[in-house]
């Protein structure tokens, strides 16, 4: 596979590695960008890449909380201008309200919204606003207490990052602090038990490769891995992370002090997991003039 300048730049953006290191990594793994990230980490030349760093898509997330249930939906658009459109914002808010009464995305698409289904409303808005849109996903949490936080809010319950936290015990004020923490720290799971085993195994293998680069004996490496995996868990699990409000406590410890148990959370960011086509604005203008 040809190692293009664009591919090298993408790897550099993901890892912060130097140009020559990025190119060498891609050459070593025949252009596989995910494998190149691991190669750079093994050599101590990069930090773990966050896939969300490569994400770029427009639109809004909308949230609603009613009683012990909270829902969040994502509606995507082609440009950020549409996210600022009052008509689009109203639609996303209405879709979020409709999500309170359904259990999954398919049911939401078919839910009634003023005499039309959500899908039909979306089709109508595509025609009137003149831009492609999609209802991409929804998620919900339920608990004794459900707290919500919207980061980069465009209007009430609408924004770029929506977080819901479900608690057993505790109060909404503590729940909102946890929600703000989640918005900033983006944990991969609630606890170690909820973490994807494949993610754990992959990280363990990478850490072993890094440790072996030091040339230490296997028995020493095994002890090193225990400590490194403990640190990894404290970084990626919500309950193990240092609480932003009081870094002397983990989130789990802070919850106990608040008399609460965090039972679930959802963090939804606009465009998460979507690769956006890179636009060459100058070329587009030139083509229009031509």
Protein backbone atom coordinates (compact mmCIF):
# COMPACT_ATOMS: atom_id res chain seq x y z
CA UNK A 1 0.00 0.00 0.00
CA UNK A 2 1.29 3.47 -0.92
CA UNK A 3 2.07 5.63 2.11
CA UNK A 4 0.53 8.97 1.16
CA UNK A 5 1.20 12.34 2.77
CA UNK A 6 -2.49 12.45 3.78
CA UNK A 7 -2.17 9.13 5.63
CA UNK A 8 0.99 10.33 7.40
CA UNK A 9 -0.79 13.54 8.43
CA UNK A 10 -3.77 11.60 9.76
CA UNK A 11 -1.50 9.43 11.89
CA UNK A 12 0.39 12.48 13.16
CA UNK A 13 -2.90 14.18 14.11
CA UNK A 14 -4.01 11.06 15.96
CA UNK A 15 -0.80 10.45 17.89
CA UNK A 16 1.31 13.60 17.96
CA UNK A 17 4.23 11.61 16.53
CA UNK A 18 6.86 13.22 14.28
CA UNK A 19 6.52 13.03 10.50
CA UNK A 20 9.35 10.56 9.97
CA UNK A 21 8.19 8.36 12.86
CA UNK A 22 4.65 8.35 11.49
CA UNK A 23 5.89 7.43 8.02
CA UNK A 24 8.11 4.66 9.39
CA UNK A 25 5.25 3.24 11.46
CA UNK A 26 2.95 3.12 8.44
CA UNK A 27 5.67 1.49 6.34
CA UNK A 28 6.27 -1.15 9.02
CA UNK A 29 2.59 -2.17 9.09
CA UNK A 30 1.86 -1.71 5.38
CA UNK A 31 -0.40 1.30 5.79
CA UNK A 32 -2.72 -0.07 8.52
CA UNK A 33 -3.34 3.09 10.54
CA UNK A 34 -4.66 1.34 13.68
CA UNK A 35 -1.64 -1.00 13.71
CA UNK A 36 0.61 2.01 13.16
CA UNK A 37 -0.80 3.63 16.31
CA UNK A 38 0.10 0.50 18.29
CA UNK A 39 3.57 0.41 16.70
CA UNK A 40 4.23 4.01 17.75
CA UNK A 41 2.96 3.35 21.26
CA UNK A 42 5.21 0.28 21.54
CA UNK A 43 8.20 2.46 20.63
CA UNK A 44 7.14 5.10 23.12
CA UNK A 45 6.43 7.60 20.35
CA UNK A 46 2.70 8.12 20.87
CA UNK A 47 -0.07 8.07 23.41
CA UNK A 48 -3.17 5.93 23.02
CA UNK A 49 -5.23 7.37 20.20
CA UNK A 50 -8.78 8.41 20.85
CA UNK A 51 -10.90 7.59 17.86
CA UNK A 52 -13.11 10.53 18.72
CA UNK A 53 -10.20 12.80 17.74
CA UNK A 54 -10.85 11.80 14.12
CA UNK A 55 -14.58 12.41 14.34
CA UNK A 56 -16.25 15.27 12.51
CA UNK A 57 -19.97 15.52 11.73
CA UNK A 58 -22.50 18.27 12.33
CA UNK A 59 -25.91 18.51 13.96
CA UNK A 60 -27.14 18.41 17.54
CA UNK A 61 -27.82 16.08 20.42
CA UNK A 62 -31.09 16.65 22.25
CA UNK A 63 -31.92 15.57 25.83
CA UNK A 64 -35.06 15.24 27.91
CA UNK A 65 -35.51 14.07 31.49
CA UNK A 66 -38.87 13.17 32.98
CA UNK A 67 -39.20 11.56 36.39
CA UNK A 68 -36.74 8.72 36.65
CA UNK A 69 -36.00 8.48 32.92
CA UNK A 70 -33.65 10.45 30.70
CA UNK A 71 -33.15 10.18 26.95
CA UNK A 72 -30.64 11.60 24.51
CA UNK A 73 -30.84 11.58 20.70
CA UNK A 74 -28.46 12.60 17.92
CA UNK A 75 -29.65 14.20 14.70
CA UNK A 76 -26.95 14.86 12.12
CA UNK A 77 -26.80 17.48 9.39
CA UNK A 78 -24.28 18.33 6.69
CA UNK A 79 -23.19 21.70 8.07
CA UNK A 80 -22.92 23.43 11.42
CA UNK A 81 -25.16 26.24 10.12
CA UNK A 82 -28.16 23.92 10.28
CA UNK A 83 -27.45 23.25 13.97
CA UNK A 84 -28.06 26.95 14.58
CA UNK A 85 -31.32 26.92 12.61
CA UNK A 86 -34.35 27.48 14.91
CA UNK A 87 -36.51 25.14 12.82
CA UNK A 88 -33.92 22.34 13.09
CA UNK A 89 -33.49 22.93 16.83
CA UNK A 90 -37.24 22.70 17.40
CA UNK A 91 -37.37 19.42 15.49
CA UNK A 92 -34.51 17.88 17.51
CA UNK A 93 -36.19 18.96 20.76
CA UNK A 94 -39.49 17.40 19.65
CA UNK A 95 -37.72 14.16 18.67
CA UNK A 96 -36.05 14.02 22.09
CA UNK A 97 -39.44 14.44 23.77
CA UNK A 98 -40.87 11.64 21.63
CA UNK A 99 -37.95 9.40 22.67
CA UNK A 100 -39.23 9.41 26.26
CA UNK A 101 -42.09 7.17 25.15
CA UNK A 102 -40.17 4.56 23.14
CA UNK A 103 -37.58 1.88 23.81
CA UNK A 104 -35.30 1.95 20.75
CA UNK A 105 -34.28 3.89 17.65
CA UNK A 106 -36.58 2.05 15.24
CA UNK A 107 -39.59 2.75 17.45
CA UNK A 108 -38.55 6.40 17.65
CA UNK A 109 -38.40 6.69 13.86
CA UNK A 110 -41.97 5.42 13.69
CA UNK A 111 -43.24 7.44 16.66
CA UNK A 112 -46.06 9.93 16.09
CA UNK A 113 -45.10 13.60 16.08
CA UNK A 114 -48.10 15.80 15.37
CA UNK A 115 -49.78 13.39 12.97
CA UNK A 116 -46.64 12.29 11.15
CA UNK A 117 -43.90 9.83 12.02
CA UNK A 118 -40.51 11.14 13.11
CA UNK A 119 -39.06 9.79 9.85
CA UNK A 120 -41.65 11.72 7.81
CA UNK A 121 -40.94 14.91 9.77
CA UNK A 122 -37.23 14.46 9.06
CA UNK A 123 -37.92 13.97 5.33
CA UNK A 124 -40.01 17.15 5.29
CA UNK A 125 -37.22 19.13 6.96
CA UNK A 126 -34.68 17.83 4.45
CA UNK A 127 -36.89 19.28 1.71
CA UNK A 128 -37.52 22.64 3.40
CA UNK A 129 -34.03 23.26 4.83
CA UNK A 130 -32.32 21.79 1.77
CA UNK A 131 -29.71 19.69 3.51
CA UNK A 132 -29.40 15.98 4.18
CA UNK A 133 -30.15 14.96 7.78
CA UNK A 134 -30.42 11.73 9.73
CA UNK A 135 -31.70 10.54 13.09
CA UNK A 136 -28.65 8.52 14.00
CA UNK A 137 -29.10 7.14 17.50
CA UNK A 138 -30.81 7.36 20.86
CA UNK A 139 -29.99 6.16 24.36
CA UNK A 140 -31.78 6.18 27.70
CA UNK A 141 -31.07 5.69 31.40
CA UNK A 142 -33.41 5.14 34.33
CA UNK A 143 -32.83 5.51 38.06
CA UNK A 144 -34.04 6.96 41.36
CA UNK A 145 -32.35 10.17 40.23
CA UNK A 146 -31.45 11.10 36.65
CA UNK A 147 -29.16 14.10 36.16
CA UNK A 148 -28.31 15.76 32.85
CA UNK A 149 -25.60 18.07 31.55
CA UNK A 150 -25.29 19.61 28.09
CA UNK A 151 -21.90 20.89 26.97
CA UNK A 152 -21.72 23.65 24.33
CA UNK A 153 -25.46 24.17 24.59
CA UNK A 154 -27.14 25.76 21.58
CA UNK A 155 -30.48 26.02 23.42
CA UNK A 156 -32.16 24.35 26.39
CA UNK A 157 -31.53 20.60 26.15
CA UNK A 158 -29.65 20.94 22.85
CA UNK A 159 -25.92 20.99 22.18
CA UNK A 160 -22.79 19.15 21.11
CA UNK A 161 -22.19 16.78 24.07
CA UNK A 162 -25.06 15.43 26.14
CA UNK A 163 -24.56 13.41 29.33
CA UNK A 164 -27.10 11.53 31.44
CA UNK A 165 -26.31 9.91 34.80
CA UNK A 166 -28.58 7.52 36.69
CA UNK A 167 -28.22 7.28 40.48
CA UNK A 168 -29.55 5.08 43.23
CA UNK A 169 -29.73 7.44 46.16
CA UNK A 170 -27.92 10.77 46.19
CA UNK A 171 -29.34 13.89 44.60
CA UNK A 172 -29.47 15.74 41.29
CA UNK A 173 -26.75 18.22 42.30
CA UNK A 174 -24.21 15.42 42.78
CA UNK A 175 -25.47 13.71 39.62
CA UNK A 176 -24.85 16.88 37.61
CA UNK A 177 -21.28 17.10 38.95
CA UNK A 178 -20.70 13.54 37.77
CA UNK A 179 -22.28 14.36 34.40
CA UNK A 180 -19.93 17.31 33.94
CA UNK A 181 -17.00 15.05 34.86
CA UNK A 182 -18.11 12.53 32.23
CA UNK A 183 -18.40 15.24 29.57
CA UNK A 184 -14.77 16.19 30.20
CA UNK A 185 -13.20 12.77 30.81
CA UNK A 186 -15.18 10.56 28.40
CA UNK A 187 -14.83 7.25 30.31
CA UNK A 188 -15.07 4.04 28.28
CA UNK A 189 -17.25 2.26 30.84
CA UNK A 190 -18.81 2.56 34.28
CA UNK A 191 -16.49 0.03 35.92
CA UNK A 192 -13.86 -2.57 35.08
CA UNK A 193 -16.60 -5.23 34.93
CA UNK A 194 -18.35 -3.29 32.15
CA UNK A 195 -15.25 -2.78 30.01
CA UNK A 196 -15.05 -4.71 26.74
CA UNK A 197 -12.66 -7.67 27.34
CA UNK A 198 -11.20 -7.15 23.85
CA UNK A 199 -10.20 -3.59 24.81
CA UNK A 200 -8.55 -4.84 28.00
CA UNK A 201 -6.66 -7.61 26.19
CA UNK A 202 -5.52 -5.24 23.45
CA UNK A 203 -4.17 -2.73 25.98
CA UNK A 204 -2.45 -5.50 27.94
CA UNK A 205 -0.70 -6.71 24.79
CA UNK A 206 0.44 -3.21 23.88
CA UNK A 207 1.77 -2.64 27.40
CA UNK A 208 3.64 -5.96 27.28
CA UNK A 209 5.24 -4.97 23.96
CA UNK A 210 6.25 -1.61 25.45
CA UNK A 211 7.73 -3.31 28.52
CA UNK A 212 9.67 -5.82 26.41
CA UNK A 213 11.33 -2.92 24.60
CA UNK A 214 13.07 -2.19 27.91
CA UNK A 215 14.80 -5.58 27.76
CA UNK A 216 13.74 -6.56 31.27
CA UNK A 217 13.15 -10.24 32.19
CA UNK A 218 9.66 -11.69 31.70
CA UNK A 219 9.02 -12.06 35.45
CA UNK A 220 9.77 -8.36 35.93
CA UNK A 221 7.59 -7.47 32.95
CA UNK A 222 4.64 -9.37 34.43
CA UNK A 223 4.85 -7.27 37.60
CA UNK A 224 5.14 -4.09 35.54
CA UNK A 225 1.99 -5.00 33.59
CA UNK A 226 -0.07 -5.37 36.77
CA UNK A 227 0.69 -1.78 37.73
CA UNK A 228 0.22 -0.44 34.23
CA UNK A 229 -3.15 -2.14 33.78
CA UNK A 230 -4.28 -0.79 37.15
CA UNK A 231 -3.40 2.70 35.93
CA UNK A 232 -5.20 2.04 32.64
CA UNK A 233 -8.38 1.03 34.51
CA UNK A 234 -8.21 4.19 36.62
CA UNK A 235 -8.07 6.25 33.44
CA UNK A 236 -10.84 4.62 31.39
CA UNK A 237 -13.48 3.56 33.95
CA UNK A 238 -15.75 6.19 35.46
CA UNK A 239 -15.69 4.82 39.01
CA UNK A 240 -11.88 4.57 38.93
CA UNK A 241 -11.18 8.07 37.59
CA UNK A 242 -10.09 10.94 39.84
CA UNK A 243 -13.16 13.12 40.39
CA UNK A 244 -12.70 16.54 38.77
CA UNK A 245 -14.52 18.23 41.66
CA UNK A 246 -12.16 16.63 44.21
CA UNK A 247 -9.13 14.89 42.63
CA UNK A 248 -8.24 13.34 46.00
CA UNK A 249 -11.21 11.01 45.53
CA UNK A 250 -12.16 8.65 42.75
CA UNK A 251 -15.66 9.09 41.33
CA UNK A 252 -16.64 5.86 43.08
CA UNK A 253 -15.39 7.16 46.43
CA UNK A 254 -17.14 10.51 45.92
CA UNK A 255 -20.40 8.67 45.19
CA UNK A 256 -20.13 6.76 48.47
CA UNK A 257 -19.56 10.00 50.36
CA UNK A 258 -22.64 11.45 48.68
CA UNK A 259 -24.70 8.41 49.65
CA UNK A 260 -25.20 7.51 46.01
CA UNK A 261 -24.57 4.61 43.68
CA UNK A 262 -23.96 5.43 40.01
CA UNK A 263 -25.90 2.76 38.12
CA UNK A 264 -25.57 3.97 34.52
CA UNK A 265 -24.45 6.82 32.31
CA UNK A 266 -24.62 7.91 28.68
CA UNK A 267 -22.31 10.35 26.96
CA UNK A 268 -23.32 11.28 23.42
CA UNK A 269 -21.24 13.61 21.28
CA UNK A 270 -22.26 14.93 17.88
CA UNK A 271 -20.49 13.07 15.10
CA UNK A 272 -18.90 10.43 17.33
CA UNK A 273 -17.60 7.64 15.12
CA UNK A 274 -18.32 9.37 11.82
CA UNK A 275 -15.56 10.27 9.38
CA UNK A 276 -16.33 13.55 7.64
CA UNK A 277 -15.29 14.12 4.04
CA UNK A 278 -12.46 16.61 3.88
CA UNK A 279 -13.55 19.59 1.82
CA UNK A 280 -11.18 21.62 -0.35
CA UNK A 281 -12.97 24.95 -0.19
CA UNK A 282 -10.58 26.73 -2.56
CA UNK A 283 -10.99 24.00 -5.19
CA UNK A 284 -14.78 24.12 -4.76
CA UNK A 285 -14.86 27.89 -5.36
CA UNK A 286 -12.54 27.55 -8.35
CA UNK A 287 -14.80 24.86 -9.83
CA UNK A 288 -17.86 27.08 -9.38
CA UNK A 289 -16.10 29.95 -11.17
CA UNK A 290 -15.05 27.60 -13.96
